[in-house]
Amino acid sequence: MKIGYVRVSSLDQNEERQLVTMKKYKVEKVFIEKMSAKDKNRPKLQEMLDYVRDGDTIIVHDLSRLARNTKDLLEIVEYLNQTEVNLISDKEHIDSSNPMGKLMLTMIGAIYEFERANLLERQREGIALAKAKGKYKGRKKIKIDNLEEYYEKYRIRMISKAEMSRQLNVSRPTLDKLLKEYELKYGAEKKQG
C-alpha cells in the first residue's frame, strides 16, 4: 500500500505542493499534519508509523517533511527498515526499495553513527574532567525499601518485571539493575548465613 505523509509547520501554511506529490505517486492513504517537526512526537506521524505494515511504501515530498534533523530522520528510517516498509522522497529522488536509495540512507546513517560516537566521546571526556575536579557526583542512587517483597512476588510469578516496573515507577533497565544488585547481595548473605 502507498501511504503519504504531508506536514506543514503552521496552520496558515499550504500543503498543496505536497498533495501534488501524493497524486503523482497514486497514494492510497494520506496522513496530514500541521505542526513543527522539532521532534518525532507528532500525532499523525505516530499514527502513520503504527498504521504501516510489511511491504508498504511511505511517500514524502521531501525528507524535511518527515524530520527536521538527521537523528530523528534516521531513527524513523531504522524503524521503517525493521518493519520492512520502503520510503520514497520525491525531491531527493530517494527510494529505499532500490540499491541506490538504500546506499543513500546508509550513508546518512553512517554519518549519524559517527556524530553519535563523537558526542558520546565528548560526554565521557567531560565527565572525566568533572570527576577530576570533584564536581561530578553521578546520578542519585535509587533505593526501594520494600524491594524484597516485590522480588518475592516476581520470583513466584505473581507479577512480571513489566508490572513490577510500573508499580515501583522505575524504568525496566533501572529495575534490572536493582534486581541484579539485590540478587548479588541476597545471594552473598545466604551463603554466609
Foldseek 3Di string as FASTA:
>chain_A
DEEEEFEAAAPPDDRVVFVVVCVVVVHDYYQYYHHAQQDQPGVSSVVVLVVDAAPYEYETQALVRNHVDLVRSLVSVVSCVVRNYWYAHNVVRATCVDPVNVVVSVVSVVVVVVVVVVVVVVVVVVQVVCVVVVNDDDDDDDDDPVVVVVVVCVVVPVDDLVVVCVVVVHDSVSSVVVVVVVCVVVVVVVVVD
